[in-house]
Protein backbone atom coordinates (compact mmCIF):
# COMPACT_ATOMS: atom_id res chain seq x y z
CA MET A 1 -86.47 141.22 122.26
CA LYS A 2 -82.99 141.26 122.13
CA LYS A 3 -82.74 140.43 125.86
CA ALA A 4 -84.30 137.15 125.22
CA LEU A 5 -81.59 136.32 122.29
CA LYS A 6 -79.04 137.62 124.41
CA ILE A 7 -80.22 134.55 127.08
CA SER A 8 -80.34 132.56 124.40
CA GLY A 9 -76.99 132.63 123.37
CA PHE A 10 -75.84 132.40 126.85
CA VAL A 11 -77.99 129.04 127.12
CA LEU A 12 -76.19 127.98 123.89
CA LEU A 13 -72.87 128.58 124.98
CA PHE A 14 -73.09 127.46 128.27
CA ILE A 15 -74.84 124.01 126.39
CA VAL A 16 -71.62 124.02 124.14
CA ILE A 17 -69.25 124.60 127.20
CA VAL A 18 -70.73 121.50 128.83
CA ILE A 19 -71.28 119.15 126.07
CA GLY A 20 -67.22 120.37 125.40
CA GLY A 21 -66.46 119.64 128.66
CA LEU A 22 -67.90 116.12 128.62
CA ILE A 23 -66.25 115.13 125.32
CA SER A 24 -62.75 116.01 126.84
CA TYR A 25 -63.02 114.14 130.06
CA VAL A 26 -64.02 111.22 128.13
CA LYS A 27 -61.56 111.47 125.37
CA VAL A 28 -58.79 112.47 128.10
CA ALA A 29 -59.86 110.95 130.99
CA LEU A 30 -61.62 107.44 130.14
CA PRO A 31 -60.76 104.55 130.31
CA ASN A 32 -60.12 104.11 133.31
CA VAL A 33 -59.53 100.91 134.58
CA GLY A 34 -56.49 100.95 136.90
CA GLU A 35 -53.07 100.14 136.24
CA ALA A 36 -51.63 96.66 134.82
CA GLN A 37 -50.89 94.22 137.92
CA PRO A 38 -47.04 93.10 138.06
CA ILE A 39 -48.40 89.55 136.65
CA LYS A 40 -45.54 87.24 135.93
CA ILE A 41 -46.65 83.74 134.58
CA ASN A 42 -44.95 80.40 134.76
CA TYR A 43 -45.23 79.27 131.43
CA THR A 44 -45.31 75.46 131.88
CA PRO A 45 -46.67 72.99 129.52
CA ASP A 46 -49.91 71.89 131.37
CA ARG A 47 -50.61 76.01 131.08
CA ILE A 48 -49.93 76.47 127.98
CA GLU A 49 -51.85 73.20 127.02
CA ARG A 50 -55.00 74.66 129.27
CA GLY A 51 -54.60 77.93 127.11
CA LYS A 52 -54.23 76.11 123.72
CA TYR A 53 -57.22 74.36 124.71
CA LEU A 54 -59.31 77.94 125.29
CA ALA A 55 -58.13 79.74 122.88
CA SER A 56 -58.91 77.03 120.08
CA HIS A 57 -61.76 76.01 121.09
CA VAL A 58 -63.90 78.15 123.72
CA THR A 59 -62.80 81.58 123.97
CA VAL A 60 -61.61 81.07 120.55
CA CYS A 61 -58.93 84.06 120.30
CA VAL A 62 -57.72 82.27 116.92
CA ASP A 63 -61.24 82.93 114.86
CA CYS A 64 -60.97 86.29 114.44
CA HIS A 65 -56.88 86.69 114.83
CA SER A 66 -56.57 84.25 111.85
CA THR A 67 -57.19 84.35 108.32
CA ARG A 68 -60.48 82.21 107.37
CA ASP A 69 -61.08 80.83 104.12
CA TRP A 70 -64.61 82.01 103.43
CA THR A 71 -64.35 79.94 99.84
CA LYS A 72 -65.05 76.88 102.19
CA PHE A 73 -67.73 76.27 104.77
CA SER A 74 -67.76 77.71 108.11
CA GLY A 75 -64.42 79.53 107.15
CA PRO A 76 -61.47 76.95 108.82
CA ILE A 77 -58.50 78.83 109.03
CA THR A 78 -56.10 79.15 106.37
CA PRO A 79 -52.76 77.36 107.72
CA GLY A 80 -49.73 79.28 108.72
CA THR A 81 -51.85 82.46 109.81
CA LEU A 82 -52.36 81.81 113.38
CA GLY A 83 -52.57 84.56 115.40
CA LYS A 84 -51.28 86.64 113.16
CA GLY A 85 -54.28 89.54 112.97
CA GLY A 86 -55.21 91.24 110.11
CA GLU A 87 -59.06 90.49 109.76
CA ARG A 88 -61.19 93.38 108.92
CA PHE A 89 -64.36 94.37 110.45
CA ASP A 90 -65.73 97.53 108.44
CA GLN A 91 -68.86 99.11 107.70
CA THR A 92 -70.26 96.89 105.18
CA ILE A 93 -70.69 93.98 107.57
CA GLY A 94 -72.41 96.64 110.12
CA PHE A 95 -69.25 97.88 112.15
CA PRO A 96 -69.23 101.67 113.65
CA GLY A 97 -65.47 102.25 112.09
CA VAL A 98 -63.12 100.05 110.26
CA PHE A 99 -61.32 97.39 113.00
CA TYR A 100 -58.51 94.88 112.37
CA SER A 101 -57.57 92.10 114.19
CA ARG A 102 -54.33 92.26 116.16
CA ASN A 103 -51.10 90.20 115.68
CA ILE A 104 -51.17 87.32 118.86
CA THR A 105 -48.60 85.61 118.17
CA PRO A 106 -45.03 86.05 120.02
CA LYS A 107 -43.93 89.23 116.81
CA GLY A 108 -47.35 91.12 117.75
CA ILE A 109 -47.35 90.65 121.81
CA SER A 110 -43.80 90.97 122.89
CA ARG A 111 -43.84 94.74 123.58
CA TYR A 112 -46.63 93.32 126.64
CA THR A 113 -45.48 92.05 130.05
CA ASP A 114 -47.67 89.49 131.00
CA GLY A 115 -49.78 91.98 133.13
CA GLU A 116 -50.51 94.23 130.58
CA LEU A 117 -51.75 91.11 128.37
CA PHE A 118 -54.17 90.60 131.19
CA ARG A 119 -55.39 94.09 131.25
CA LEU A 120 -56.12 93.91 127.51
CA ILE A 121 -57.85 90.86 127.56
CA THR A 122 -60.22 91.33 130.41
CA THR A 123 -60.84 95.52 130.18
CA GLY A 124 -60.25 95.82 126.36
CA VAL A 125 -57.37 98.73 127.49
CA THR A 126 -53.87 98.44 125.45
CA LYS A 127 -50.78 98.84 126.46
CA GLU A 128 -51.02 102.59 126.13
CA GLY A 129 -54.27 103.04 127.45
CA ARG A 130 -55.93 103.12 124.33
CA ALA A 131 -59.62 101.58 124.63
CA MET A 132 -60.76 98.38 121.60
CA PHE A 133 -63.69 98.25 119.96
CA PRO A 134 -65.60 95.00 121.58
CA VAL A 135 -65.17 92.98 118.19
CA MET A 136 -62.97 90.91 121.29
CA PRO A 137 -65.61 90.26 123.35
CA TYR A 138 -63.54 91.90 126.71
CA PRO A 139 -66.65 92.37 128.49
CA TYR A 140 -67.37 88.41 128.80
CA TYR A 141 -63.53 87.88 129.18
CA SER A 142 -63.58 89.84 132.16
CA LYS A 143 -65.53 87.14 134.09
CA LEU A 144 -63.29 84.42 133.34
CA ASP A 145 -61.11 82.87 136.06
CA PRO A 146 -57.65 84.54 136.48
CA ASP A 147 -55.96 81.48 136.06
CA ASP A 148 -57.94 80.95 132.43
CA VAL A 149 -56.40 84.28 131.39
CA MET A 150 -53.09 83.41 132.19
CA SER A 151 -53.45 79.88 130.34
CA ILE A 152 -54.30 82.02 127.59
CA ILE A 153 -51.48 84.21 127.58
CA ALA A 154 -49.24 81.59 128.14
CA TYR A 155 -50.49 79.76 124.86
CA LEU A 156 -50.21 82.92 123.33
CA ARG A 157 -46.37 83.34 123.86
CA SER A 158 -45.74 79.71 122.64
CA LEU A 159 -47.19 80.09 118.89
CA ASP A 160 -44.61 80.43 116.10
CA PRO A 161 -44.10 84.27 115.67
CA ILE A 162 -45.23 85.70 112.12
CA ASP A 163 -44.39 89.03 110.51
CA ASN A 164 -47.60 90.81 110.32
CA ASP A 165 -48.62 94.73 110.98
CA PRO A 166 -51.95 95.20 110.71
CA PRO A 167 -53.24 98.53 110.33
CA VAL A 168 -54.92 100.99 113.07
CA SER A 169 -58.42 100.55 113.84
CA VAL A 170 -59.97 103.72 113.39
CA ALA A 171 -64.23 104.33 114.77
CA ASP A 172 -66.64 106.41 113.10
CA PHE A 173 -68.36 109.42 114.93
CA PRO A 174 -69.59 109.00 117.71
CA MET A 175 -68.23 105.88 118.33
CA ASN A 176 -64.60 107.21 118.45
CA ILE A 177 -65.79 109.18 121.52
CA ILE A 178 -68.05 106.48 122.97
CA LEU A 179 -65.79 103.87 122.81
CA ASN A 180 -63.87 105.26 126.17
CA THR A 181 -66.73 104.72 127.83
CA ILE A 182 -67.07 100.79 127.04
CA PRO A 183 -64.04 99.41 129.50
CA LYS A 184 -64.48 98.73 132.69
CA LYS A 185 -62.61 97.22 136.03
CA ALA A 186 -62.76 93.45 135.34
CA PRO A 187 -64.55 91.47 138.45
CA GLY A 188 -63.27 88.34 137.60
CA GLY A 189 -64.63 84.66 138.17
CA ALA A 190 -63.96 81.60 139.53
CA ARG A 191 -64.40 78.70 136.92
CA PRO A 192 -66.55 76.12 138.60
CA ASP A 193 -65.95 72.71 139.45
CA THR A 194 -66.98 70.69 136.56
CA SER A 195 -69.10 68.47 138.74
CA ASN A 196 -71.64 71.66 138.79
CA THR A 197 -72.52 71.00 135.57
CA LEU A 198 -75.06 73.97 135.71
CA ALA A 199 -72.60 76.24 136.73
CA TYR A 200 -69.52 75.58 134.42
CA GLY A 201 -72.26 75.43 131.38
CA ALA A 202 -72.76 79.04 132.26
CA TYR A 203 -69.04 79.75 132.83
CA LEU A 204 -68.15 78.05 129.54
CA VAL A 205 -71.37 79.88 127.63
CA ASN A 206 -70.48 82.88 128.93
CA ALA A 207 -66.65 82.57 128.01
CA CYS A 208 -67.69 81.59 124.36
CA ALA A 209 -69.70 84.42 124.31
CA CYS A 210 -72.80 82.52 122.69
CA ILE A 211 -75.30 85.26 124.01
CA GLU A 212 -73.26 87.82 121.58
CA CYS A 213 -74.28 86.05 118.19
CA HIS A 214 -76.94 84.14 119.52
CA THR A 215 -79.34 87.70 120.15
CA GLN A 216 -80.78 90.30 117.91
CA ALA A 217 -78.89 94.09 118.35
CA LYS A 218 -79.89 97.49 117.89
CA GLN A 219 -77.17 99.92 117.54
CA GLY A 220 -74.67 97.53 118.34
CA GLN A 221 -76.61 96.25 121.70
CA ILE A 222 -77.84 93.03 122.51
CA ILE A 223 -81.34 93.24 123.60
CA PRO A 224 -81.38 91.31 126.44
CA GLU A 225 -85.42 90.29 126.47
CA LEU A 226 -84.59 88.41 123.19
CA ALA A 227 -81.48 86.94 124.72
CA PHE A 228 -79.75 83.59 123.17
CA SER A 229 -83.57 83.40 120.31
CA GLY A 230 -81.33 84.42 117.71
CA GLY A 231 -81.99 86.47 114.19
CA ARG A 232 -78.93 88.44 114.90
CA GLU A 233 -77.79 89.23 111.15
CA PHE A 234 -74.53 88.81 109.80
CA ALA A 235 -73.64 90.17 106.49
CA PHE A 236 -71.62 88.35 104.33
CA PRO A 237 -68.75 90.44 102.11
CA SER A 238 -69.78 88.66 99.20
CA GLY A 239 -73.33 88.75 99.51
CA GLY A 240 -76.09 87.24 101.47
CA THR A 241 -77.27 87.48 104.87
CA VAL A 242 -76.81 84.73 107.74
CA ARG A 243 -78.95 84.93 110.69
CA SER A 244 -77.87 82.99 113.93
CA ALA A 245 -79.65 80.12 115.23
CA ASN A 246 -82.34 80.00 118.34
CA ILE A 247 -80.64 78.03 121.26
CA THR A 248 -83.54 79.29 123.65
CA PRO A 249 -84.86 75.19 124.71
CA SER A 250 -88.18 76.37 122.29
CA THR A 251 -89.56 73.23 120.99
CA GLN A 252 -90.79 75.18 118.09
CA SER A 253 -88.19 77.09 117.03
CA GLY A 254 -84.93 76.34 118.91
CA ILE A 255 -83.12 72.96 120.96
CA GLY A 256 -86.31 72.02 123.17
CA ASN A 257 -86.34 69.03 120.71
CA TRP A 258 -82.88 68.41 120.42
CA SER A 259 -81.18 65.37 122.63
CA GLU A 260 -77.69 65.99 124.88
CA ASP A 261 -76.39 63.35 122.09
CA ALA A 262 -77.80 65.33 118.93
CA PHE A 263 -76.37 68.71 120.20
CA VAL A 264 -73.05 67.38 121.08
CA ASN A 265 -72.47 65.19 117.83
CA LYS A 266 -73.40 68.57 115.71
CA PHE A 267 -70.26 69.81 117.25
CA LYS A 268 -68.19 66.84 116.78
CA SER A 269 -69.08 66.23 113.29
CA PHE A 270 -66.87 69.13 111.97
CA VAL A 271 -63.67 67.03 113.74
CA ASP A 272 -64.65 63.81 112.71
CA SER A 273 -61.85 62.18 110.76
CA ASN A 274 -64.09 61.79 107.55
CA TYR A 275 -64.90 65.03 107.82
CA LYS A 276 -63.66 67.76 104.88
CA PRO A 277 -65.28 71.44 104.57
CA GLN A 278 -67.12 71.29 101.77
CA ASN A 279 -66.33 74.56 99.22
CA VAL A 280 -68.79 77.17 98.95
CA GLU A 281 -69.70 79.82 95.97
CA LYS A 282 -69.65 83.47 96.31
CA GLY A 283 -73.28 83.90 97.34
CA ALA A 284 -74.14 80.50 97.92
CA PHE A 285 -75.13 79.80 102.18
CA ASN A 286 -72.35 79.66 104.33
CA THR A 287 -71.95 80.52 108.16
CA ILE A 288 -69.58 82.80 110.62
CA MET A 289 -70.17 79.84 113.49
CA PRO A 290 -66.41 78.43 113.84
CA TRP A 291 -67.75 74.85 113.75
CA THR A 292 -64.36 73.47 113.43
CA GLN A 293 -63.06 75.15 116.30
CA TYR A 294 -65.83 74.67 118.72
CA GLY A 295 -65.75 70.81 117.45
CA GLY A 296 -62.72 70.51 119.39
CA MET A 297 -64.42 71.35 122.66
CA LYS A 298 -64.46 68.20 125.05
CA ARG A 299 -67.82 65.83 124.76
CA SER A 300 -68.22 66.97 128.43
CA ASP A 301 -68.25 70.67 128.11
CA LEU A 302 -70.37 70.75 125.34
CA ALA A 303 -72.70 68.61 127.07
CA ALA A 304 -72.49 71.30 130.22
CA ILE A 305 -72.90 74.02 127.65
CA TYR A 306 -76.14 71.70 126.23
CA ALA A 307 -77.52 71.42 129.94
CA TYR A 308 -77.01 74.91 130.60
CA LEU A 309 -79.07 75.92 127.62
CA ARG A 310 -82.02 74.10 128.57
CA THR A 311 -82.41 75.95 131.79
CA LEU A 312 -83.00 79.45 129.98
CA PRO A 313 -86.49 80.33 129.11
CA ALA A 314 -87.84 79.35 126.17
CA LYS A 315 -88.17 82.04 123.39
CA GLU A 316 -90.05 81.49 120.01
CA ASN A 317 -88.22 82.97 117.39
CA VAL A 318 -88.24 80.98 113.74
CA VAL A 319 -85.22 81.88 111.95
CA VAL A 320 -84.84 82.32 107.98
CA LYS A 321 -80.81 81.09 108.61
CA PHE A 322 -79.93 82.73 105.08
CA SER A 323 -80.85 85.24 102.69
CA PRO A 324 -79.44 85.41 99.42
CA PRO A 325 -77.73 88.31 97.95
CA THR A 326 -79.47 90.27 94.93
CA ASP A 327 -78.48 89.66 92.01
CA ASN A 328 -75.92 92.80 91.28
CA ILE A 329 -74.47 92.24 94.58
CA ALA A 330 -73.75 88.57 93.44
CA LYS A 331 -72.20 89.03 90.24
CA LYS A 332 -69.36 91.49 91.41
């Protein structure tokens, strides 16, 4: 009996040592994505304009890094907050910790070299080598054409500086350990010629990270077999749950019956000169979809996205787009 207990003790000690060693490795040796490259970007007007288009209407960096007015439909950006950061993503809306978007105006990124910003955007690793939680979908940005990433950086350098220092993000256990395993070396990509509609549409869909919001997830990971079929839940702090739409070509529950014009015009209607965001009462239906930002995309780019989405497997998933809050939540 004593011998058995002694053996069990050694086994337990061995397991503790192994686990401790793995945790130490993950915390100390990772993330390992390589050094930032000595990139020096030429901030030409054309590059800045390209970056503005991408950051405002495709990758929509300004979506999370500005203050959105949730008293209005689709949460348009509050004037004077462009890029200042400070938006909170926490446990109340399903995140494993408390995460804040960073200040991406020149006031917040001046300490970064161009190469360090490039690495940050494409791998999620900060100047100090710290792994970021992928609220910013850097796994998708890692596949962008390097020229597009550099254009985004050039645009961010051109923003009006805003003095704002958001709190440090803190991940819950065990995410604070897992976090270091997420960043990978960026594979990079090449922007297809716009004449290759399907390839260019696929590039844009990746840049927009459409799959991330339009796919249900389990423990924070999207479920591949449900890709683009919608139904991912997003809780609003004021109460209620909104769910993403099915954007597969399903004729029953997706966009299978949508024409190209209907698809494109849906987006463009939010930037029409007559459009004014409607006020939304607390607890009433709203959406996290930044329609007013995506609406600024070129019609040809939206058409390319539509063309690519039409090639996806049709998946039946009828989505209840909104569940109102319970009375006790709505009254808070």
